[in-house]
């Protein structure tokens, strides 16, 4: 496994403020402890992730007494590459990327969403489509092809005998927000998304959506820390994230990202995700 060096890596030499994505309010000086690089998977556009997760990074920085620098990438593919390169010290990652890219490259789970994750099929409330069967021969938007809900959504379509490329057309977008926007502008009849980004989009746009169906449930996105991070730092991050629901300040953070809370987690919690991947590979072989 690669090791992140100190000093000049990522330009963190001398003394400067971490202005990239406004990750924390600590000055980065040469004599400070090595900053923690915090990677967030790009389920929303980078500017929106900045708004939501800069306060999270600042809160974690306070908890561990070290600068926490927020990072993301513009696409799921590039974010996965950073996981495989072990770029980040701390990550907030979707289930399938954890199993396929983070876990094999030295990242250990510390906490995950307290609620389970499902792919939701949503339409405009004024849509003539009110059931999944109504999506036959329609266009359905989805987040990137490797997004957790896209993988769950494809299986759900098959459960309804809706076969991508045959009697339904899937169009993959850059993010959940872009997916939902396709429905708003009538470019797609439905969008495959998840509860948290759906609530964020509804709050921002002032538009409500109708949920047609949901997929099977799996463990949701999680925080994971690379093994190179000291155990006491890992412990502090775990305690902080699982404790947010117990304080007014923490609940405010959770409300901003539309999550009810985080609970302690371990690798075995994601065995159900591994089984889905195995079934998917068997289906395509």
Foldseek 3Di string as FASTA:
>chain_A
DDDDDDACVVHLHAWAAQPVLLQEGDIRHNPFPGEFEEEEEPQDAPVLCSVQCSVVSHLLCVLQVHHYHYDYDQANVVRLVCLQVVVGFKYFFWLVSCVPRNVVRFWWFFKFFPDWKKKWKKAAPPAPDQALVSQFQWEEEEEPCPGPQNLQVQVVCVVVVNHDPPGYDYDYDRHQLVRVVCRVVVVGGIYIDIDQVQVVNCVVVVGHIDTHDIGDTATTTGMIGGPVDDPVSSVSSSCVQQCLLVDPNSCVSCVSRVTNGMDTDGPVSSVVVVVSVVVVVVVVD
